[in-house]
Amino acid sequence: MKLKYAFSAAALVLASQSFAQVKWDLPAAYPASNFHTENLVQFANDVDKATGGKLKITVHANASLFKAPEIKRAVQQGQAQIGEILLVNYQNEWQIFGADGLPFLADSYDSAMRLYQVQKPILDKKFNEQGMSLLYAVAWPPQGIYVKKPINSAADLKGVKWRAYSPATARIAELVGAQPVTVQAAELSQAMATGVIESYMSSGSTGFDTKTYEHIKYWYDTQAWLPKNAVLVNKAAFDGLDAPTKQAVLKAAADAETRGWTASKRVNTESLEKLKANGMNIVAPPAQLKADMKKVGDVMLKEWLEKAGPEGQALVDSFRK
């Protein structure tokens, strides 16, 4: 009898060793209702299903675990095993991170995907050097200008309190004479409600998520750029997985990337319809505003190339081929 129990105990130990559940935290900066976050949750569910519950990924939405600017470092240092970042937020660290925030360089989904394909090998190399891997990236819908009053040119933005969330958006403010105020996505609604900002550049998706229509009534569809969110994994955490689990993560990531770009296009259309229904004026930019913003883009590309050097020039040349 004792022998039978000994065998049973040994079998239980072996079973628990073969099914050692791994738990990962995934901090994200955007609300649970945002399409990026919904995609992350689907990614986590796909991994759970494919590994039979062996790897559990918990998504922490709306900057509840780490604030947006802290997420990259948290993944790098292993405080979180995996996380989602907005690449352009890190342009000051390395200029290539800001390539998809350059106004009017890539101003459609097709050109944004082409830019990503050119950017990806360089991003992979950089993240590897930093102890991380890029699992996938998804573009936001095209960026337009939210503003409280009708505008005809960049001069109409002079002195306006403008939300800056990245080096590029802060520089746009300077170039048009607006007053840049740093506000992350999680604090945007409050910043509008308290009059901290009167204008900002973002997608229809962000405008709807944050109920911008309650405070601001105009959105100019400039289609200025399509910044990307990137999902990074800590290399040590990933390397600690067994081969089938690694494969499951990579497969779920590839699916999430495809699904995310499709969702971004759908959300772009839906968001603008929802904004309109809530009283937002969706406006095609007047010719003068378009010309002024194109000049801003030219200045910023020139400045970026000076900072990014040969690496940046090679990226832009390859993209424009």
C-alpha atoms as a PDB file:
ATOM      1  CA  MET A   1       0.000   0.000   0.000  1.00  0.00           C
ATOM      2  CA  LYS A   2       2.810   2.383   0.967  1.00  0.00           C
ATOM      3  CA  LEU A   3       4.532   1.631  -2.331  1.00  0.00           C
ATOM      4  CA  LYS A   4       1.336   2.541  -4.222  1.00  0.00           C
ATOM      5  CA  TYR A   5       1.148   5.912  -2.405  1.00  0.00           C
ATOM      6  CA  ALA A   6       4.832   6.556  -3.117  1.00  0.00           C
ATOM      7  CA  PHE A   7       4.211   5.991  -6.842  1.00  0.00           C
ATOM      8  CA  SER A   8       1.165   8.290  -6.751  1.00  0.00           C
ATOM      9  CA  ALA A   9       3.150  11.062  -5.040  1.00  0.00           C
ATOM     10  CA  ALA A  10       5.982  10.705  -7.547  1.00  0.00           C
ATOM     11  CA  ALA A  11       3.485  10.854 -10.420  1.00  0.00           C
ATOM     12  CA  LEU A  12       1.969  14.043  -8.984  1.00  0.00           C
ATOM     13  CA  VAL A  13       5.399  15.668  -8.686  1.00  0.00           C
ATOM     14  CA  LEU A  14       6.224  14.736 -12.288  1.00  0.00           C
ATOM     15  CA  ALA A  15       2.850  16.017 -13.483  1.00  0.00           C
ATOM     16  CA  SER A  16       3.320  19.354 -11.703  1.00  0.00           C
ATOM     17  CA  GLN A  17       6.845  19.679 -13.120  1.00  0.00           C
ATOM     18  CA  SER A  18       5.628  19.026 -16.639  1.00  0.00           C
ATOM     19  CA  PHE A  19       2.891  21.620 -16.096  1.00  0.00           C
ATOM     20  CA  ALA A  20       4.758  24.411 -14.306  1.00  0.00           C
ATOM     21  CA  GLN A  21       2.465  27.337 -15.056  1.00  0.00           C
ATOM     22  CA  VAL A  22       4.264  30.549 -16.000  1.00  0.00           C
ATOM     23  CA  LYS A  23       2.625  33.917 -15.296  1.00  0.00           C
ATOM     24  CA  TRP A  24       3.517  37.107 -17.147  1.00  0.00           C
ATOM     25  CA  ASP A  25       2.387  40.692 -16.580  1.00  0.00           C
ATOM     26  CA  LEU A  26       1.711  42.873 -19.627  1.00  0.00           C
ATOM     27  CA  PRO A  27       1.436  46.605 -18.830  1.00  0.00           C
ATOM     28  CA  ALA A  28      -0.362  48.742 -21.435  1.00  0.00           C
ATOM     29  CA  ALA A  29      -1.019  52.483 -21.502  1.00  0.00           C
ATOM     30  CA  TYR A  30      -4.474  52.611 -23.080  1.00  0.00           C
ATOM     31  CA  PRO A  31      -8.040  51.911 -21.858  1.00  0.00           C
ATOM     32  CA  ALA A  32      -9.486  48.388 -21.890  1.00  0.00           C
ATOM     33  CA  SER A  33     -11.917  49.502 -24.623  1.00  0.00           C
ATOM     34  CA  ASN A  34      -9.133  50.632 -26.992  1.00  0.00           C
ATOM     35  CA  PHE A  35      -8.571  48.370 -30.006  1.00  0.00           C
ATOM     36  CA  HIS A  36      -4.860  47.928 -29.146  1.00  0.00           C
ATOM     37  CA  THR A  37      -5.778  46.687 -25.659  1.00  0.00           C
ATOM     38  CA  GLU A  38      -8.523  44.422 -26.986  1.00  0.00           C
ATOM     39  CA  ASN A  39      -5.939  42.971 -29.362  1.00  0.00           C
ATOM     40  CA  LEU A  40      -3.531  42.385 -26.456  1.00  0.00           C
ATOM     41  CA  VAL A  41      -6.251  40.542 -24.523  1.00  0.00           C
ATOM     42  CA  GLN A  42      -6.960  38.370 -27.581  1.00  0.00           C
ATOM     43  CA  PHE A  43      -3.192  37.710 -27.918  1.00  0.00           C
ATOM     44  CA  ALA A  44      -3.035  36.647 -24.237  1.00  0.00           C
ATOM     45  CA  ASN A  45      -6.090  34.384 -24.702  1.00  0.00           C
ATOM     46  CA  ASP A  46      -4.531  32.804 -27.812  1.00  0.00           C
ATOM     47  CA  VAL A  47      -1.321  32.045 -25.888  1.00  0.00           C
ATOM     48  CA  ASP A  48      -3.322  30.590 -22.983  1.00  0.00           C
ATOM     49  CA  LYS A  49      -5.301  28.346 -25.343  1.00  0.00           C
ATOM     50  CA  ALA A  50      -2.304  27.263 -27.456  1.00  0.00           C
ATOM     51  CA  THR A  51      -0.248  26.339 -24.369  1.00  0.00           C
ATOM     52  CA  GLY A  52      -3.138  24.649 -22.565  1.00  0.00           C
ATOM     53  CA  GLY A  53      -2.906  27.212 -19.768  1.00  0.00           C
ATOM     54  CA  LYS A  54       0.861  26.767 -19.349  1.00  0.00           C
ATOM     55  CA  LEU A  55       1.576  30.472 -19.975  1.00  0.00           C
ATOM     56  CA  LYS A  56      -0.856  32.983 -18.478  1.00  0.00           C
ATOM     57  CA  ILE A  57      -0.460  36.628 -19.568  1.00  0.00           C
ATOM     58  CA  THR A  58      -2.339  39.278 -17.572  1.00  0.00           C
ATOM     59  CA  VAL A  59      -2.970  42.553 -19.428  1.00  0.00           C
ATOM     60  CA  HIS A  60      -2.886  45.634 -17.158  1.00  0.00           C
ATOM     61  CA  ALA A  61      -4.703  48.346 -19.150  1.00  0.00           C
ATOM     62  CA  ASN A  62      -4.786  52.148 -18.815  1.00  0.00           C
ATOM     63  CA  ALA A  63      -1.308  52.542 -17.261  1.00  0.00           C
ATOM     64  CA  SER A  64      -2.533  50.757 -14.112  1.00  0.00           C
ATOM     65  CA  LEU A  65       0.722  48.819 -13.554  1.00  0.00           C
ATOM     66  CA  PHE A  66       3.279  51.237 -15.040  1.00  0.00           C
ATOM     67  CA  LYS A  67       2.818  54.692 -16.562  1.00  0.00           C
ATOM     68  CA  ALA A  68       3.332  54.894 -20.347  1.00  0.00           C
ATOM     69  CA  PRO A  69       6.931  56.235 -20.240  1.00  0.00           C
ATOM     70  CA  GLU A  70       7.968  53.553 -17.678  1.00  0.00           C
ATOM     71  CA  ILE A  71       6.819  50.455 -19.578  1.00  0.00           C
ATOM     72  CA  LYS A  72       9.893  49.953 -21.779  1.00  0.00           C
ATOM     73  CA  ARG A  73      12.282  50.078 -18.838  1.00  0.00           C
ATOM     74  CA  ALA A  74      10.016  47.754 -16.823  1.00  0.00           C
ATOM     75  CA  VAL A  75      10.250  45.109 -19.580  1.00  0.00           C
ATOM     76  CA  GLN A  76      13.977  45.707 -20.074  1.00  0.00           C
ATOM     77  CA  GLN A  77      14.662  45.217 -16.353  1.00  0.00           C
ATOM     78  CA  GLY A  78      12.308  42.260 -15.993  1.00  0.00           C
ATOM     79  CA  GLN A  79       9.813  44.016 -13.693  1.00  0.00           C
ATOM     80  CA  ALA A  80       7.263  43.031 -16.350  1.00  0.00           C
ATOM     81  CA  GLN A  81       7.965  40.152 -18.721  1.00  0.00           C
ATOM     82  CA  ILE A  82       6.139  41.731 -21.663  1.00  0.00           C
ATOM     83  CA  GLY A  83       4.679  45.164 -22.417  1.00  0.00           C
ATOM     84  CA  GLU A  84       3.251  47.502 -25.040  1.00  0.00           C
ATOM     85  CA  ILE A  85       4.871  50.853 -25.846  1.00  0.00           C
ATOM     86  CA  LEU A  86       4.270  53.724 -28.256  1.00  0.00           C
ATOM     87  CA  LEU A  87       7.538  53.808 -30.221  1.00  0.00           C
ATOM     88  CA  VAL A  88       7.590  57.577 -30.818  1.00  0.00           C
ATOM     89  CA  ASN A  89       7.677  58.176 -27.051  1.00  0.00           C
ATOM     90  CA  TYR A  90      11.295  56.986 -27.059  1.00  0.00           C
ATOM     91  CA  GLN A  91      12.676  59.107 -29.897  1.00  0.00           C
ATOM     92  CA  ASN A  92      14.984  61.045 -27.553  1.00  0.00           C
ATOM     93  CA  GLU A  93      16.651  57.750 -26.613  1.00  0.00           C
ATOM     94  CA  TRP A  94      17.199  56.693 -30.247  1.00  0.00           C
ATOM     95  CA  GLN A  95      15.962  58.659 -33.258  1.00  0.00           C
ATOM     96  CA  ILE A  96      14.795  55.609 -35.244  1.00  0.00           C
ATOM     97  CA  PHE A  97      12.048  55.069 -32.636  1.00  0.00           C
ATOM     98  CA  GLY A  98      10.528  58.334 -33.871  1.00  0.00           C
ATOM     99  CA  ALA A  99      10.499  57.558 -37.613  1.00  0.00           C
ATOM    100  CA  ASP A 100       6.761  56.837 -37.682  1.00  0.00           C
ATOM    101  CA  GLY A 101       6.000  60.122 -35.902  1.00  0.00           C
ATOM    102  CA  LEU A 102       7.483  62.294 -38.640  1.00  0.00           C
ATOM    103  CA  PRO A 103       4.601  64.321 -40.112  1.00  0.00           C
ATOM    104  CA  PHE A 104       3.687  63.372 -43.695  1.00  0.00           C
ATOM    105  CA  LEU A 105       6.548  60.885 -44.201  1.00  0.00           C
ATOM    106  CA  ALA A 106       4.133  57.905 -44.132  1.00  0.00           C
ATOM    107  CA  ASP A 107       0.569  59.195 -44.289  1.00  0.00           C
ATOM    108  CA  SER A 108      -1.535  56.147 -45.224  1.00  0.00           C
ATOM    109  CA  TYR A 109      -1.867  52.547 -44.042  1.00  0.00           C
ATOM    110  CA  ASP A 110       0.046  51.245 -47.069  1.00  0.00           C
ATOM    111  CA  SER A 111       2.950  53.652 -46.608  1.00  0.00           C
ATOM    112  CA  ALA A 112       2.930  53.067 -42.818  1.00  0.00           C
ATOM    113  CA  MET A 113       3.279  49.317 -43.410  1.00  0.00           C
ATOM    114  CA  ARG A 114       6.100  49.937 -45.892  1.00  0.00           C
ATOM    115  CA  LEU A 115       7.874  52.118 -43.320  1.00  0.00           C
ATOM    116  CA  TYR A 116       7.436  49.395 -40.681  1.00  0.00           C
ATOM    117  CA  GLN A 117       8.935  46.753 -42.985  1.00  0.00           C
ATOM    118  CA  VAL A 118      11.996  48.953 -43.536  1.00  0.00           C
ATOM    119  CA  GLN A 119      12.216  49.899 -39.838  1.00  0.00           C
ATOM    120  CA  LYS A 120      11.700  46.387 -38.406  1.00  0.00           C
ATOM    121  CA  PRO A 121      15.192  44.846 -38.887  1.00  0.00           C
ATOM    122  CA  ILE A 122      16.786  47.918 -37.266  1.00  0.00           C
ATOM    123  CA  LEU A 123      14.271  47.832 -34.400  1.00  0.00           C
ATOM    124  CA  ASP A 124      14.908  44.094 -33.898  1.00  0.00           C
ATOM    125  CA  LYS A 125      18.645  44.719 -33.609  1.00  0.00           C
ATOM    126  CA  LYS A 126      18.233  47.584 -31.126  1.00  0.00           C
ATOM    127  CA  PHE A 127      15.769  45.731 -28.886  1.00  0.00           C
ATOM    128  CA  ASN A 128      18.014  42.646 -28.907  1.00  0.00           C
ATOM    129  CA  GLU A 129      20.923  44.782 -27.714  1.00  0.00           C
ATOM    130  CA  GLN A 130      18.660  46.004 -24.890  1.00  0.00           C
ATOM    131  CA  GLY A 131      17.705  42.481 -23.781  1.00  0.00           C
ATOM    132  CA  MET A 132      14.286  42.430 -25.438  1.00  0.00           C
ATOM    133  CA  SER A 133      12.561  41.148 -28.567  1.00  0.00           C
ATOM    134  CA  LEU A 134       9.924  42.827 -30.707  1.00  0.00           C
ATOM    135  CA  LEU A 135       6.931  40.508 -30.934  1.00  0.00           C
ATOM    136  CA  TYR A 136       4.668  42.661 -33.100  1.00  0.00           C
ATOM    137  CA  ALA A 137       3.646  46.227 -33.902  1.00  0.00           C
ATOM    138  CA  VAL A 138       0.347  47.819 -34.912  1.00  0.00           C
ATOM    139  CA  ALA A 139      -0.285  51.298 -36.327  1.00  0.00           C
ATOM    140  CA  TRP A 140      -2.723  53.788 -34.856  1.00  0.00           C
ATOM    141  CA  PRO A 141      -5.223  55.358 -37.257  1.00  0.00           C
ATOM    142  CA  PRO A 142      -4.000  58.505 -39.082  1.00  0.00           C
ATOM    143  CA  GLN A 143      -3.452  61.556 -36.889  1.00  0.00           C
ATOM    144  CA  GLY A 144      -5.487  64.756 -37.167  1.00  0.00           C
ATOM    145  CA  ILE A 145      -5.764  68.008 -35.194  1.00  0.00           C
ATOM    146  CA  TYR A 146      -8.317  68.376 -32.401  1.00  0.00           C
ATOM    147  CA  VAL A 147      -8.967  72.033 -31.682  1.00  0.00           C
ATOM    148  CA  LYS A 148     -11.645  74.091 -29.908  1.00  0.00           C
ATOM    149  CA  LYS A 149     -12.174  76.611 -32.722  1.00  0.00           C
ATOM    150  CA  PRO A 150     -12.207  76.534 -36.539  1.00  0.00           C
ATOM    151  CA  ILE A 151      -8.731  77.037 -38.034  1.00  0.00           C
ATOM    152  CA  ASN A 152      -7.627  77.951 -41.559  1.00  0.00           C
ATOM    153  CA  SER A 153      -3.856  77.947 -41.162  1.00  0.00           C
ATOM    154  CA  ALA A 154      -1.116  77.050 -38.678  1.00  0.00           C
ATOM    155  CA  ALA A 155      -1.109  80.689 -37.539  1.00  0.00           C
ATOM    156  CA  ASP A 156      -4.525  80.040 -35.927  1.00  0.00           C
ATOM    157  CA  LEU A 157      -2.814  77.638 -33.497  1.00  0.00           C
ATOM    158  CA  LYS A 158      -0.532  80.352 -32.096  1.00  0.00           C
ATOM    159  CA  GLY A 159      -0.671  80.428 -28.286  1.00  0.00           C
ATOM    160  CA  VAL A 160      -3.083  77.471 -28.059  1.00  0.00           C
ATOM    161  CA  LYS A 161      -2.426  75.028 -25.163  1.00  0.00           C
ATOM    162  CA  TRP A 162      -1.359  71.934 -27.076  1.00  0.00           C
ATOM    163  CA  ARG A 163      -0.979  68.398 -25.750  1.00  0.00           C
ATOM    164  CA  ALA A 164       2.533  67.022 -26.312  1.00  0.00           C
ATOM    165  CA  TYR A 165       3.015  63.289 -25.689  1.00  0.00           C
ATOM    166  CA  SER A 166       6.225  62.716 -27.682  1.00  0.00           C
ATOM    167  CA  PRO A 167       9.254  64.726 -28.863  1.00  0.00           C
ATOM    168  CA  ALA A 168       7.612  65.091 -32.301  1.00  0.00           C
ATOM    169  CA  THR A 169       4.309  66.470 -30.984  1.00  0.00           C
ATOM    170  CA  ALA A 170       6.204  68.907 -28.743  1.00  0.00           C
ATOM    171  CA  ARG A 171       8.246  70.100 -31.741  1.00  0.00           C
ATOM    172  CA  ILE A 172       5.098  70.604 -33.861  1.00  0.00           C
ATOM    173  CA  ALA A 173       3.765  72.876 -31.104  1.00  0.00           C
ATOM    174  CA  GLU A 174       6.961  74.945 -31.192  1.00  0.00           C
ATOM    175  CA  LEU A 175       6.901  75.245 -34.979  1.00  0.00           C
ATOM    176  CA  VAL A 176       3.280  76.441 -35.129  1.00  0.00           C
ATOM    177  CA  GLY A 177       3.651  78.704 -32.080  1.00  0.00           C
ATOM    178  CA  ALA A 178       1.374  76.652 -29.799  1.00  0.00           C
ATOM    179  CA  GLN A 179       2.099  76.119 -26.110  1.00  0.00           C
ATOM    180  CA  PRO A 180       3.184  72.477 -25.513  1.00  0.00           C
ATOM    181  CA  VAL A 181       1.900  70.728 -22.362  1.00  0.00           C
ATOM    182  CA  THR A 182       3.006  67.142 -21.634  1.00  0.00           C
ATOM    183  CA  VAL A 183      -0.048  64.931 -21.056  1.00  0.00           C
ATOM    184  CA  GLN A 184      -0.098  61.119 -21.328  1.00  0.00           C
ATOM    185  CA  ALA A 185      -3.141  59.228 -22.679  1.00  0.00           C
ATOM    186  CA  ALA A 186      -4.416  58.178 -19.243  1.00  0.00           C
ATOM    187  CA  GLU A 187      -4.615  61.844 -18.106  1.00  0.00           C
ATOM    188  CA  LEU A 188      -6.031  63.291 -21.338  1.00  0.00           C
ATOM    189  CA  SER A 189      -9.719  63.490 -20.365  1.00  0.00           C
ATOM    190  CA  GLN A 190      -8.910  65.317 -17.136  1.00  0.00           C
ATOM    191  CA  ALA A 191      -6.509  67.688 -18.899  1.00  0.00           C
ATOM    192  CA  MET A 192      -9.271  68.735 -21.314  1.00  0.00           C
ATOM    193  CA  ALA A 193     -11.890  69.024 -18.560  1.00  0.00           C
ATOM    194  CA  THR A 194      -9.653  71.310 -16.488  1.00  0.00           C
ATOM    195  CA  GLY A 195      -8.513  73.448 -19.444  1.00  0.00           C
ATOM    196  CA  VAL A 196      -4.891  72.272 -19.219  1.00  0.00           C
ATOM    197  CA  ILE A 197      -5.024  71.658 -22.993  1.00  0.00           C
ATOM    198  CA  GLU A 198      -7.197  73.069 -25.808  1.00  0.00           C
ATOM    199  CA  SER A 199      -5.773  71.178 -28.763  1.00  0.00           C
ATOM    200  CA  TYR A 200      -3.820  68.060 -29.678  1.00  0.00           C
ATOM    201  CA  MET A 201      -2.960  65.763 -32.573  1.00  0.00           C
ATOM    202  CA  SER A 202      -4.182  62.191 -32.446  1.00  0.00           C
ATOM    203  CA  SER A 203      -6.426  59.624 -34.090  1.00  0.00           C
ATOM    204  CA  GLY A 204     -10.201  59.415 -34.152  1.00  0.00           C
ATOM    205  CA  SER A 205      -9.809  56.367 -31.918  1.00  0.00           C
ATOM    206  CA  THR A 206      -8.141  58.345 -29.106  1.00  0.00           C
ATOM    207  CA  GLY A 207     -10.688  61.138 -29.516  1.00  0.00           C
ATOM    208  CA  PHE A 208     -13.575  58.753 -28.984  1.00  0.00           C
ATOM    209  CA  ASP A 209     -11.886  56.786 -26.157  1.00  0.00           C
ATOM    210  CA  THR A 210     -11.285  59.988 -24.187  1.00  0.00           C
ATOM    211  CA  LYS A 211     -14.667  61.589 -24.993  1.00  0.00           C
ATOM    212  CA  THR A 212     -12.833  64.530 -26.542  1.00  0.00           C
ATOM    213  CA  TYR A 213     -16.156  65.609 -28.099  1.00  0.00           C
ATOM    214  CA  GLU A 214     -17.302  66.737 -24.631  1.00  0.00           C
ATOM    215  CA  HIS A 215     -14.634  69.468 -24.619  1.00  0.00           C
ATOM    216  CA  ILE A 216     -13.418  70.010 -28.206  1.00  0.00           C
ATOM    217  CA  LYS A 217     -15.646  70.232 -31.290  1.00  0.00           C
ATOM    218  CA  TYR A 218     -13.315  70.223 -34.327  1.00  0.00           C
ATOM    219  CA  TRP A 219     -11.066  67.535 -35.781  1.00  0.00           C
ATOM    220  CA  TYR A 220      -9.032  68.331 -38.908  1.00  0.00           C
ATOM    221  CA  ASP A 221      -8.302  65.167 -40.887  1.00  0.00           C
ATOM    222  CA  THR A 222      -4.667  65.929 -41.764  1.00  0.00           C
ATOM    223  CA  GLN A 223      -3.621  62.223 -41.916  1.00  0.00           C
ATOM    224  CA  ALA A 224      -0.256  63.403 -40.668  1.00  0.00           C
ATOM    225  CA  TRP A 225       1.273  60.107 -39.529  1.00  0.00           C
ATOM    226  CA  LEU A 226       0.386  56.649 -38.205  1.00  0.00           C
ATOM    227  CA  PRO A 227       2.491  55.964 -35.082  1.00  0.00           C
ATOM    228  CA  LYS A 228       2.900  52.357 -33.981  1.00  0.00           C
ATOM    229  CA  ASN A 229       2.478  50.530 -30.709  1.00  0.00           C
ATOM    230  CA  ALA A 230       5.079  47.795 -30.261  1.00  0.00           C
ATOM    231  CA  VAL A 231       4.800  44.744 -28.020  1.00  0.00           C
ATOM    232  CA  LEU A 232       8.134  43.813 -26.445  1.00  0.00           C
ATOM    233  CA  VAL A 233       9.149  40.737 -24.489  1.00  0.00           C
ATOM    234  CA  ASN A 234      12.031  40.425 -22.042  1.00  0.00           C
ATOM    235  CA  LYS A 235      14.544  38.063 -23.694  1.00  0.00           C
ATOM    236  CA  ALA A 236      15.432  36.209 -20.495  1.00  0.00           C
ATOM    237  CA  ALA A 237      11.738  35.573 -19.784  1.00  0.00           C
ATOM    238  CA  PHE A 238      11.157  34.378 -23.363  1.00  0.00           C
ATOM    239  CA  ASP A 239      14.309  32.218 -23.374  1.00  0.00           C
ATOM    240  CA  GLY A 240      13.068  30.566 -20.172  1.00  0.00           C
ATOM    241  CA  LEU A 241      10.074  29.074 -22.002  1.00  0.00           C
ATOM    242  CA  ASP A 242      10.112  25.604 -23.536  1.00  0.00           C
ATOM    243  CA  ALA A 243      10.146  25.314 -27.346  1.00  0.00           C
ATOM    244  CA  PRO A 244       6.381  24.662 -27.878  1.00  0.00           C
ATOM    245  CA  THR A 245       5.466  27.621 -25.633  1.00  0.00           C
ATOM    246  CA  LYS A 246       7.876  29.911 -27.512  1.00  0.00           C
ATOM    247  CA  GLN A 247       6.253  28.837 -30.785  1.00  0.00           C
ATOM    248  CA  ALA A 248       2.795  29.526 -29.356  1.00  0.00           C
ATOM    249  CA  VAL A 249       3.845  33.073 -28.352  1.00  0.00           C
ATOM    250  CA  LEU A 250       5.359  33.811 -31.789  1.00  0.00           C
ATOM    251  CA  LYS A 251       2.314  32.437 -33.619  1.00  0.00           C
ATOM    252  CA  ALA A 252      -0.088  34.443 -31.418  1.00  0.00           C
ATOM    253  CA  ALA A 253       2.052  37.564 -31.997  1.00  0.00           C
ATOM    254  CA  ALA A 254       1.989  37.143 -35.801  1.00  0.00           C
ATOM    255  CA  ASP A 255      -1.796  36.725 -35.664  1.00  0.00           C
ATOM    256  CA  ALA A 256      -2.132  39.781 -33.403  1.00  0.00           C
ATOM    257  CA  GLU A 257      -0.130  41.917 -35.827  1.00  0.00           C
ATOM    258  CA  THR A 258      -2.345  40.989 -38.799  1.00  0.00           C
ATOM    259  CA  ARG A 259      -5.522  41.364 -36.743  1.00  0.00           C
ATOM    260  CA  GLY A 260      -4.337  44.670 -35.240  1.00  0.00           C
ATOM    261  CA  TRP A 261      -3.705  46.418 -38.575  1.00  0.00           C
ATOM    262  CA  THR A 262      -7.128  45.288 -39.839  1.00  0.00           C
ATOM    263  CA  ALA A 263      -8.737  46.519 -36.601  1.00  0.00           C
ATOM    264  CA  SER A 264      -6.950  49.873 -36.890  1.00  0.00           C
ATOM    265  CA  LYS A 265      -8.486  50.495 -40.336  1.00  0.00           C
ATOM    266  CA  ARG A 266     -11.948  49.483 -39.109  1.00  0.00           C
ATOM    267  CA  VAL A 267     -11.654  51.587 -35.943  1.00  0.00           C
ATOM    268  CA  ASN A 268     -10.549  54.608 -37.973  1.00  0.00           C
ATOM    269  CA  THR A 269     -13.839  54.594 -39.923  1.00  0.00           C
ATOM    270  CA  GLU A 270     -15.991  53.705 -36.910  1.00  0.00           C
ATOM    271  CA  SER A 271     -14.361  56.281 -34.608  1.00  0.00           C
ATOM    272  CA  LEU A 272     -14.954  59.159 -37.003  1.00  0.00           C
ATOM    273  CA  GLU A 273     -18.605  58.128 -37.354  1.00  0.00           C
ATOM    274  CA  LYS A 274     -18.969  57.960 -33.551  1.00  0.00           C
ATOM    275  CA  LEU A 275     -17.257  61.339 -33.105  1.00  0.00           C
ATOM    276  CA  LYS A 276     -19.631  62.876 -35.655  1.00  0.00           C
ATOM    277  CA  ALA A 277     -22.640  61.350 -33.883  1.00  0.00           C
ATOM    278  CA  ASN A 278     -21.431  63.000 -30.665  1.00  0.00           C
ATOM    279  CA  GLY A 279     -21.211  66.465 -32.201  1.00  0.00           C
ATOM    280  CA  MET A 280     -17.629  66.554 -33.471  1.00  0.00           C
ATOM    281  CA  ASN A 281     -17.075  68.462 -36.731  1.00  0.00           C
ATOM    282  CA  ILE A 282     -14.844  66.293 -38.961  1.00  0.00           C
ATOM    283  CA  VAL A 283     -13.165  68.786 -41.283  1.00  0.00           C
ATOM    284  CA  ALA A 284     -10.960  68.369 -44.362  1.00  0.00           C
ATOM    285  CA  PRO A 285      -7.947  70.640 -43.795  1.00  0.00           C
ATOM    286  CA  PRO A 286      -8.085  73.936 -45.749  1.00  0.00           C
ATOM    287  CA  ALA A 287      -5.353  74.343 -48.393  1.00  0.00           C
ATOM    288  CA  GLN A 288      -3.374  76.844 -46.280  1.00  0.00           C
ATOM    289  CA  LEU A 289      -3.386  74.579 -43.209  1.00  0.00           C
ATOM    290  CA  LYS A 290      -2.288  71.651 -45.376  1.00  0.00           C
ATOM    291  CA  ALA A 291       0.573  73.685 -46.868  1.00  0.00           C
ATOM    292  CA  ASP A 292       1.635  74.970 -43.425  1.00  0.00           C
ATOM    293  CA  MET A 293       1.662  71.482 -41.912  1.00  0.00           C
ATOM    294  CA  LYS A 294       3.614  70.125 -44.894  1.00  0.00           C
ATOM    295  CA  LYS A 295       6.279  72.788 -44.178  1.00  0.00           C
ATOM    296  CA  VAL A 296       6.339  71.677 -40.534  1.00  0.00           C
ATOM    297  CA  GLY A 297       6.870  68.109 -41.758  1.00  0.00           C
ATOM    298  CA  ASP A 298       9.750  69.160 -44.036  1.00  0.00           C
ATOM    299  CA  VAL A 299      11.500  71.023 -41.193  1.00  0.00           C
ATOM    300  CA  MET A 300      11.057  68.092 -38.828  1.00  0.00           C
ATOM    301  CA  LEU A 301      12.343  65.535 -41.348  1.00  0.00           C
ATOM    302  CA  LYS A 302      15.447  67.676 -41.949  1.00  0.00           C
ATOM    303  CA  GLU A 303      16.059  68.019 -38.190  1.00  0.00           C
ATOM    304  CA  TRP A 304      15.463  64.318 -37.638  1.00  0.00           C
ATOM    305  CA  LEU A 305      17.911  63.319 -40.384  1.00  0.00           C
ATOM    306  CA  GLU A 306      20.577  65.554 -38.817  1.00  0.00           C
ATOM    307  CA  LYS A 307      20.132  63.745 -35.494  1.00  0.00           C
ATOM    308  CA  ALA A 308      19.563  60.235 -36.894  1.00  0.00           C
ATOM    309  CA  GLY A 309      22.623  60.435 -39.157  1.00  0.00           C
ATOM    310  CA  PRO A 310      23.457  57.800 -41.819  1.00  0.00           C
ATOM    311  CA  GLU A 311      21.184  55.223 -40.141  1.00  0.00           C
ATOM    312  CA  GLY A 312      18.184  57.553 -40.493  1.00  0.00           C
ATOM    313  CA  GLN A 313      19.093  58.576 -44.022  1.00  0.00           C
ATOM    314  CA  ALA A 314      19.381  54.918 -45.074  1.00  0.00           C
ATOM    315  CA  LEU A 315      15.952  54.232 -43.535  1.00  0.00           C
ATOM    316  CA  VAL A 316      14.270  57.146 -45.380  1.00  0.00           C
ATOM    317  CA  ASP A 317      16.043  56.298 -48.672  1.00  0.00           C
ATOM    318  CA  SER A 318      14.985  52.672 -48.418  1.00  0.00           C
ATOM    319  CA  PHE A 319      11.387  53.703 -47.579  1.00  0.00           C
ATOM    320  CA  ARG A 320      11.200  56.106 -50.545  1.00  0.00           C
ATOM    321  CA  LYS A 321      12.580  53.628 -53.105  1.00  0.00           C
END
